Amino acid sequence: MSQPESFAALLRARASCRGFLSEPVAHEVIAEVLRDAQHVPSWCNSQPWQVTACGAEETAQLAAALYEHVGQAGHASDIDFPSAYEDEYKARRRDCGWQLYEAVGIEKGDRVGSAAQMRENFRLFGAPHFLLITTPKALGPYGVLDCGAFVTAVLLGLEARGLGGIAMASVAGFAPFMRDWFDVGDDRDVLCGIALGHPDCDAAANRFRTTRAPEGEVVTWR
């Protein structure tokens, strides 16, 4: 398989993992993924991402505390969440949600079931490891953009090693808690998390794949 074919296959194989085995991943393997991701491009080579990487014990403690916290606290993020999903963006988001609910057996109109599934975000989907990603406030949207490239590289690096991962904006919706837990400085924004580990291939939430828009919807040639 050529390099372009291998790269395309890696992109197509990657999916957000929402069910993990309890088996931890070796420290050195996670370190390799992060070292590889460090080579993504960034604005003026600023490399704005800072990563806090959690082992199995810390991740379990975080998941328990975060799950309890979200039942008592309101949404509070450092970076504004989308104000609205409209048109094709709304349709894609809706389709993804219904694919997940169908996979885990939640019927339309089951608000209790959908809320319970949403809260699994705050158990970190049972992942044995967690990465917190923060970005400097002073770098603004371009720092966020660069961190997005880094997060993508981490997810692809995990996939290349047979591991699962999911980028989680949900944890950034409780930024004050995350800031206190990880002692994040006031000069940085809590951007997102990544839950990672060995994927549980039998987990119902891992049994669907989202679709992608055709080229004609997203590319204009001149």
C-alpha atoms as a PDB file:
ATOM      1  CA  MET A   1       0.000   0.000   0.000  1.00  0.00           C
ATOM      2  CA  SER A   2       1.385   3.418  -0.987  1.00  0.00           C
ATOM      3  CA  GLN A   3       1.848   6.209   1.545  1.00  0.00           C
ATOM      4  CA  PRO A   4      -1.205   8.146   0.284  1.00  0.00           C
ATOM      5  CA  GLU A   5      -3.295   4.971   0.437  1.00  0.00           C
ATOM      6  CA  SER A   6      -2.060   4.210   3.955  1.00  0.00           C
ATOM      7  CA  PHE A   7      -2.875   7.733   5.094  1.00  0.00           C
ATOM      8  CA  ALA A   8      -6.352   7.588   3.541  1.00  0.00           C
ATOM      9  CA  ALA A   9      -7.000   4.215   5.189  1.00  0.00           C
ATOM     10  CA  LEU A  10      -5.959   5.586   8.586  1.00  0.00           C
ATOM     11  CA  LEU A  11      -8.323   8.552   8.239  1.00  0.00           C
ATOM     12  CA  ARG A  12     -11.204   6.319   7.224  1.00  0.00           C
ATOM     13  CA  ALA A  13     -10.578   3.816  10.011  1.00  0.00           C
ATOM     14  CA  ARG A  14     -10.565   6.383  12.824  1.00  0.00           C
ATOM     15  CA  ALA A  15     -13.780   6.839  14.753  1.00  0.00           C
ATOM     16  CA  SER A  16     -14.710   8.372  18.088  1.00  0.00           C
ATOM     17  CA  CYS A  17     -14.487   5.645  20.721  1.00  0.00           C
ATOM     18  CA  ARG A  18     -17.218   5.667  23.368  1.00  0.00           C
ATOM     19  CA  GLY A  19     -16.410   2.409  25.114  1.00  0.00           C
ATOM     20  CA  PHE A  20     -13.043   1.290  26.457  1.00  0.00           C
ATOM     21  CA  LEU A  21     -11.499  -1.741  28.100  1.00  0.00           C
ATOM     22  CA  SER A  22     -10.080  -1.203  31.581  1.00  0.00           C
ATOM     23  CA  GLU A  23      -6.605  -2.354  30.531  1.00  0.00           C
ATOM     24  CA  PRO A  24      -4.190   0.602  30.756  1.00  0.00           C
ATOM     25  CA  VAL A  25      -1.929   1.691  27.925  1.00  0.00           C
ATOM     26  CA  ALA A  26       1.821   1.693  28.497  1.00  0.00           C
ATOM     27  CA  HIS A  27       3.195   5.125  29.375  1.00  0.00           C
ATOM     28  CA  GLU A  28       5.750   4.971  26.575  1.00  0.00           C
ATOM     29  CA  VAL A  29       3.085   4.289  23.943  1.00  0.00           C
ATOM     30  CA  ILE A  30       1.141   7.407  24.942  1.00  0.00           C
ATOM     31  CA  ALA A  31       4.392   9.370  25.030  1.00  0.00           C
ATOM     32  CA  GLU A  32       5.175   8.227  21.460  1.00  0.00           C
ATOM     33  CA  VAL A  33       1.756   9.406  20.264  1.00  0.00           C
ATOM     34  CA  LEU A  34       2.310  12.820  21.830  1.00  0.00           C
ATOM     35  CA  ARG A  35       5.833  13.123  20.423  1.00  0.00           C
ATOM     36  CA  ASP A  36       4.550  12.360  16.931  1.00  0.00           C
ATOM     37  CA  ALA A  37       1.714  14.871  17.257  1.00  0.00           C
ATOM     38  CA  GLN A  38       4.235  17.526  18.246  1.00  0.00           C
ATOM     39  CA  HIS A  39       5.253  17.728  14.579  1.00  0.00           C
ATOM     40  CA  VAL A  40       1.989  19.235  13.324  1.00  0.00           C
ATOM     41  CA  PRO A  41       2.237  22.774  11.891  1.00  0.00           C
ATOM     42  CA  SER A  42       1.331  25.779  14.027  1.00  0.00           C
ATOM     43  CA  TRP A  43       1.147  29.537  13.593  1.00  0.00           C
ATOM     44  CA  CYS A  44       4.754  30.849  13.615  1.00  0.00           C
ATOM     45  CA  ASN A  45       5.703  27.459  15.129  1.00  0.00           C
ATOM     46  CA  SER A  46       4.192  28.658  18.406  1.00  0.00           C
ATOM     47  CA  GLN A  47       3.055  25.127  19.417  1.00  0.00           C
ATOM     48  CA  PRO A  48       0.434  26.535  21.818  1.00  0.00           C
ATOM     49  CA  TRP A  49      -0.941  23.261  23.193  1.00  0.00           C
ATOM     50  CA  GLN A  50      -0.194  22.151  26.722  1.00  0.00           C
ATOM     51  CA  VAL A  51      -1.113  18.584  27.658  1.00  0.00           C
ATOM     52  CA  THR A  52      -1.776  17.090  31.066  1.00  0.00           C
ATOM     53  CA  ALA A  53      -1.644  13.316  30.669  1.00  0.00           C
ATOM     54  CA  CYS A  54      -3.381  11.161  33.278  1.00  0.00           C
ATOM     55  CA  GLY A  55      -2.634   7.590  34.227  1.00  0.00           C
ATOM     56  CA  ALA A  56      -5.288   5.063  35.167  1.00  0.00           C
ATOM     57  CA  GLU A  57      -5.622   6.012  38.839  1.00  0.00           C
ATOM     58  CA  GLU A  58      -5.837   9.752  38.207  1.00  0.00           C
ATOM     59  CA  THR A  59      -8.298   9.222  35.346  1.00  0.00           C
ATOM     60  CA  ALA A  60     -10.598   7.108  37.530  1.00  0.00           C
ATOM     61  CA  GLN A  61     -10.556   9.734  40.276  1.00  0.00           C
ATOM     62  CA  LEU A  62     -11.257  12.503  37.766  1.00  0.00           C
ATOM     63  CA  ALA A  63     -14.158  10.613  36.163  1.00  0.00           C
ATOM     64  CA  ALA A  64     -15.844   9.971  39.504  1.00  0.00           C
ATOM     65  CA  ALA A  65     -15.473  13.582  40.670  1.00  0.00           C
ATOM     66  CA  LEU A  66     -16.480  15.109  37.335  1.00  0.00           C
ATOM     67  CA  TYR A  67     -19.571  12.919  36.997  1.00  0.00           C
ATOM     68  CA  GLU A  68     -20.739  14.012  40.427  1.00  0.00           C
ATOM     69  CA  HIS A  69     -19.914  17.657  39.738  1.00  0.00           C
ATOM     70  CA  VAL A  70     -21.930  17.978  36.530  1.00  0.00           C
ATOM     71  CA  GLY A  71     -25.067  16.937  38.350  1.00  0.00           C
ATOM     72  CA  GLN A  72     -24.734  19.997  40.542  1.00  0.00           C
ATOM     73  CA  ALA A  73     -23.146  22.684  38.356  1.00  0.00           C
ATOM     74  CA  GLY A  74     -24.120  24.710  35.315  1.00  0.00           C
ATOM     75  CA  HIS A  75     -22.309  25.019  31.996  1.00  0.00           C
ATOM     76  CA  ALA A  76     -19.287  27.346  32.115  1.00  0.00           C
ATOM     77  CA  SER A  77     -16.690  27.319  29.340  1.00  0.00           C
ATOM     78  CA  ASP A  78     -13.596  29.404  28.670  1.00  0.00           C
ATOM     79  CA  ILE A  79     -14.260  29.369  24.917  1.00  0.00           C
ATOM     80  CA  ASP A  80     -17.746  30.016  23.553  1.00  0.00           C
ATOM     81  CA  PHE A  81     -19.597  26.932  22.389  1.00  0.00           C
ATOM     82  CA  PRO A  82     -21.489  27.200  19.053  1.00  0.00           C
ATOM     83  CA  SER A  83     -24.412  29.606  19.324  1.00  0.00           C
ATOM     84  CA  ALA A  84     -26.472  27.500  16.892  1.00  0.00           C
ATOM     85  CA  TYR A  85     -26.302  24.615  14.455  1.00  0.00           C
ATOM     86  CA  GLU A  86     -28.172  25.488  11.278  1.00  0.00           C
ATOM     87  CA  ASP A  87     -28.886  23.964   7.870  1.00  0.00           C
ATOM     88  CA  GLU A  88     -26.460  21.186   6.900  1.00  0.00           C
ATOM     89  CA  TYR A  89     -24.539  21.524  10.178  1.00  0.00           C
ATOM     90  CA  LYS A  90     -27.714  20.898  12.143  1.00  0.00           C
ATOM     91  CA  ALA A  91     -28.538  17.919   9.920  1.00  0.00           C
ATOM     92  CA  ARG A  92     -25.098  16.352  10.355  1.00  0.00           C
ATOM     93  CA  ARG A  93     -25.193  16.831  14.113  1.00  0.00           C
ATOM     94  CA  ARG A  94     -28.697  15.346  14.321  1.00  0.00           C
ATOM     95  CA  ASP A  95     -27.757  12.346  12.183  1.00  0.00           C
ATOM     96  CA  CYS A  96     -24.730  11.620  14.343  1.00  0.00           C
ATOM     97  CA  GLY A  97     -26.836  11.784  17.491  1.00  0.00           C
ATOM     98  CA  TRP A  98     -29.503   9.455  16.175  1.00  0.00           C
ATOM     99  CA  GLN A  99     -26.888   6.966  14.969  1.00  0.00           C
ATOM    100  CA  LEU A 100     -25.481   6.846  18.492  1.00  0.00           C
ATOM    101  CA  TYR A 101     -28.888   6.512  20.137  1.00  0.00           C
ATOM    102  CA  GLU A 102     -29.932   3.771  17.738  1.00  0.00           C
ATOM    103  CA  ALA A 103     -26.705   1.887  18.419  1.00  0.00           C
ATOM    104  CA  VAL A 104     -27.248   1.934  22.186  1.00  0.00           C
ATOM    105  CA  GLY A 105     -31.002   1.258  21.999  1.00  0.00           C
ATOM    106  CA  ILE A 106     -32.389   4.689  22.858  1.00  0.00           C
ATOM    107  CA  GLU A 107     -35.666   5.422  21.091  1.00  0.00           C
ATOM    108  CA  LYS A 108     -36.728   8.828  19.798  1.00  0.00           C
ATOM    109  CA  GLY A 109     -38.406  10.833  22.520  1.00  0.00           C
ATOM    110  CA  ASP A 110     -36.581   9.018  25.331  1.00  0.00           C
ATOM    111  CA  ARG A 111     -35.172  12.093  27.043  1.00  0.00           C
ATOM    112  CA  VAL A 112     -34.131  10.182  30.137  1.00  0.00           C
ATOM    113  CA  GLY A 113     -32.143   7.713  28.075  1.00  0.00           C
ATOM    114  CA  SER A 114     -30.526  10.387  25.917  1.00  0.00           C
ATOM    115  CA  ALA A 115     -29.580  12.423  29.000  1.00  0.00           C
ATOM    116  CA  ALA A 116     -28.030   9.355  30.618  1.00  0.00           C
ATOM    117  CA  GLN A 117     -25.994   8.677  27.480  1.00  0.00           C
ATOM    118  CA  MET A 118     -24.857  12.297  27.409  1.00  0.00           C
ATOM    119  CA  ARG A 119     -23.629  12.046  30.989  1.00  0.00           C
ATOM    120  CA  GLU A 120     -21.376   9.139  29.988  1.00  0.00           C
ATOM    121  CA  ASN A 121     -19.128  11.886  28.624  1.00  0.00           C
ATOM    122  CA  PHE A 122     -18.362  12.745  32.232  1.00  0.00           C
ATOM    123  CA  ARG A 123     -17.451   9.182  33.120  1.00  0.00           C
ATOM    124  CA  LEU A 124     -14.947   9.620  30.267  1.00  0.00           C
ATOM    125  CA  PHE A 125     -16.647   6.599  28.675  1.00  0.00           C
ATOM    126  CA  GLY A 126     -14.732   4.323  31.022  1.00  0.00           C
ATOM    127  CA  ALA A 127     -11.380   5.207  29.447  1.00  0.00           C
ATOM    128  CA  PRO A 128      -8.283   4.382  31.516  1.00  0.00           C
ATOM    129  CA  HIS A 129      -6.460   7.512  30.360  1.00  0.00           C
ATOM    130  CA  PHE A 130      -7.292  11.167  29.819  1.00  0.00           C
ATOM    131  CA  LEU A 131      -5.483  14.120  28.261  1.00  0.00           C
ATOM    132  CA  LEU A 132      -6.415  17.715  29.028  1.00  0.00           C
ATOM    133  CA  ILE A 133      -5.586  20.231  26.288  1.00  0.00           C
ATOM    134  CA  THR A 134      -5.223  23.926  27.107  1.00  0.00           C
ATOM    135  CA  THR A 135      -4.263  26.920  24.967  1.00  0.00           C
ATOM    136  CA  PRO A 136      -2.937  30.414  25.766  1.00  0.00           C
ATOM    137  CA  LYS A 137      -5.668  33.042  26.002  1.00  0.00           C
ATOM    138  CA  ALA A 138      -3.378  35.579  24.311  1.00  0.00           C
ATOM    139  CA  LEU A 139      -3.141  33.532  21.101  1.00  0.00           C
ATOM    140  CA  GLY A 140      -6.900  33.588  20.607  1.00  0.00           C
ATOM    141  CA  PRO A 141      -8.525  31.746  17.686  1.00  0.00           C
ATOM    142  CA  TYR A 142      -5.222  30.913  16.021  1.00  0.00           C
ATOM    143  CA  GLY A 143      -4.022  29.128  19.136  1.00  0.00           C
ATOM    144  CA  VAL A 144      -7.272  27.176  19.173  1.00  0.00           C
ATOM    145  CA  LEU A 145      -6.832  26.330  15.488  1.00  0.00           C
ATOM    146  CA  ASP A 146      -3.310  25.044  16.074  1.00  0.00           C
ATOM    147  CA  CYS A 147      -4.475  22.944  19.020  1.00  0.00           C
ATOM    148  CA  GLY A 148      -7.117  21.402  16.749  1.00  0.00           C
ATOM    149  CA  ALA A 149      -4.347  20.171  14.457  1.00  0.00           C
ATOM    150  CA  PHE A 150      -2.570  18.691  17.458  1.00  0.00           C
ATOM    151  CA  VAL A 151      -5.724  16.925  18.692  1.00  0.00           C
ATOM    152  CA  THR A 152      -6.295  15.423  15.242  1.00  0.00           C
ATOM    153  CA  ALA A 153      -2.733  14.137  15.134  1.00  0.00           C
ATOM    154  CA  VAL A 154      -3.134  12.548  18.565  1.00  0.00           C
ATOM    155  CA  LEU A 155      -6.318  10.770  17.486  1.00  0.00           C
ATOM    156  CA  LEU A 156      -4.682   9.488  14.308  1.00  0.00           C
ATOM    157  CA  GLY A 157      -1.619   8.397  16.267  1.00  0.00           C
ATOM    158  CA  LEU A 158      -3.833   6.374  18.576  1.00  0.00           C
ATOM    159  CA  GLU A 159      -5.641   4.785  15.631  1.00  0.00           C
ATOM    160  CA  ALA A 160      -2.317   3.872  14.014  1.00  0.00           C
ATOM    161  CA  ARG A 161      -1.443   1.894  17.154  1.00  0.00           C
ATOM    162  CA  GLY A 162      -4.761   0.085  17.412  1.00  0.00           C
ATOM    163  CA  LEU A 163      -5.974   2.307  20.249  1.00  0.00           C
ATOM    164  CA  GLY A 164      -9.186   4.278  20.633  1.00  0.00           C
ATOM    165  CA  GLY A 165      -9.692   7.925  21.457  1.00  0.00           C
ATOM    166  CA  ILE A 166     -12.346  10.604  21.491  1.00  0.00           C
ATOM    167  CA  ALA A 167     -11.959  14.380  21.562  1.00  0.00           C
ATOM    168  CA  MET A 168     -14.237  15.838  24.235  1.00  0.00           C
ATOM    169  CA  ALA A 169     -15.482  19.408  24.200  1.00  0.00           C
ATOM    170  CA  SER A 170     -17.954  18.343  26.884  1.00  0.00           C
ATOM    171  CA  VAL A 171     -15.370  18.572  29.655  1.00  0.00           C
ATOM    172  CA  ALA A 172     -14.543  22.145  28.591  1.00  0.00           C
ATOM    173  CA  GLY A 173     -18.141  23.015  29.394  1.00  0.00           C
ATOM    174  CA  PHE A 174     -17.136  22.726  33.056  1.00  0.00           C
ATOM    175  CA  ALA A 175     -13.941  24.726  32.772  1.00  0.00           C
ATOM    176  CA  PRO A 176     -13.825  25.994  36.381  1.00  0.00           C
ATOM    177  CA  PHE A 177     -13.836  22.422  37.677  1.00  0.00           C
ATOM    178  CA  MET A 178     -11.154  21.322  35.202  1.00  0.00           C
ATOM    179  CA  ARG A 179      -9.085  24.419  35.963  1.00  0.00           C
ATOM    180  CA  ASP A 180      -9.146  23.700  39.687  1.00  0.00           C
ATOM    181  CA  TRP A 181      -8.550  19.970  39.308  1.00  0.00           C
ATOM    182  CA  PHE A 182      -5.510  20.421  37.082  1.00  0.00           C
ATOM    183  CA  ASP A 183      -4.315  23.769  38.473  1.00  0.00           C
ATOM    184  CA  VAL A 184      -4.546  25.476  35.068  1.00  0.00           C
ATOM    185  CA  GLY A 185      -3.230  29.043  35.096  1.00  0.00           C
ATOM    186  CA  ASP A 186      -5.496  31.999  34.426  1.00  0.00           C
ATOM    187  CA  ASP A 187      -3.489  32.769  31.281  1.00  0.00           C
ATOM    188  CA  ARG A 188      -4.732  29.598  29.582  1.00  0.00           C
ATOM    189  CA  ASP A 189      -8.121  28.405  28.315  1.00  0.00           C
ATOM    190  CA  VAL A 190      -9.426  24.895  28.898  1.00  0.00           C
ATOM    191  CA  LEU A 191      -9.980  23.736  25.322  1.00  0.00           C
ATOM    192  CA  CYS A 192     -10.918  20.054  25.340  1.00  0.00           C
ATOM    193  CA  GLY A 193     -10.006  16.623  26.594  1.00  0.00           C
ATOM    194  CA  ILE A 194      -9.116  13.330  24.949  1.00  0.00           C
ATOM    195  CA  ALA A 195     -10.217  10.049  26.525  1.00  0.00           C
ATOM    196  CA  LEU A 196      -8.125   7.132  25.308  1.00  0.00           C
ATOM    197  CA  GLY A 197      -7.385   3.463  25.766  1.00  0.00           C
ATOM    198  CA  HIS A 198      -7.980   0.073  24.200  1.00  0.00           C
ATOM    199  CA  PRO A 199     -11.356   0.155  22.448  1.00  0.00           C
ATOM    200  CA  ASP A 200     -14.085  -2.210  23.595  1.00  0.00           C
ATOM    201  CA  CYS A 201     -15.193  -3.620  20.270  1.00  0.00           C
ATOM    202  CA  ASP A 202     -18.281  -5.150  21.897  1.00  0.00           C
ATOM    203  CA  ALA A 203     -19.534  -1.825  23.277  1.00  0.00           C
ATOM    204  CA  ALA A 204     -22.792  -0.856  21.568  1.00  0.00           C
ATOM    205  CA  ALA A 205     -21.704   2.787  21.265  1.00  0.00           C
ATOM    206  CA  ASN A 206     -18.759   1.706  19.103  1.00  0.00           C
ATOM    207  CA  ARG A 207     -20.885  -0.082  16.528  1.00  0.00           C
ATOM    208  CA  PHE A 208     -21.718   2.802  14.215  1.00  0.00           C
ATOM    209  CA  ARG A 209     -19.767   5.059  11.886  1.00  0.00           C
ATOM    210  CA  THR A 210     -20.704   8.575  10.914  1.00  0.00           C
ATOM    211  CA  THR A 211     -20.928   9.589   7.271  1.00  0.00           C
ATOM    212  CA  ARG A 212     -18.941  12.336   5.555  1.00  0.00           C
ATOM    213  CA  ALA A 213     -20.221  15.054   3.250  1.00  0.00           C
ATOM    214  CA  PRO A 214     -19.380  14.577  -0.439  1.00  0.00           C
ATOM    215  CA  GLU A 215     -16.731  16.795  -1.977  1.00  0.00           C
ATOM    216  CA  GLY A 216     -19.304  18.923  -3.769  1.00  0.00           C
ATOM    217  CA  GLU A 217     -20.748  20.117  -0.451  1.00  0.00           C
ATOM    218  CA  VAL A 218     -17.483  21.344   1.026  1.00  0.00           C
ATOM    219  CA  VAL A 219     -15.129  22.198  -1.856  1.00  0.00           C
ATOM    220  CA  THR A 220     -15.453  24.964  -4.442  1.00  0.00           C
ATOM    221  CA  TRP A 221     -13.007  24.793  -7.332  1.00  0.00           C
ATOM    222  CA  ARG A 222     -11.987  27.982  -9.141  1.00  0.00           C
END
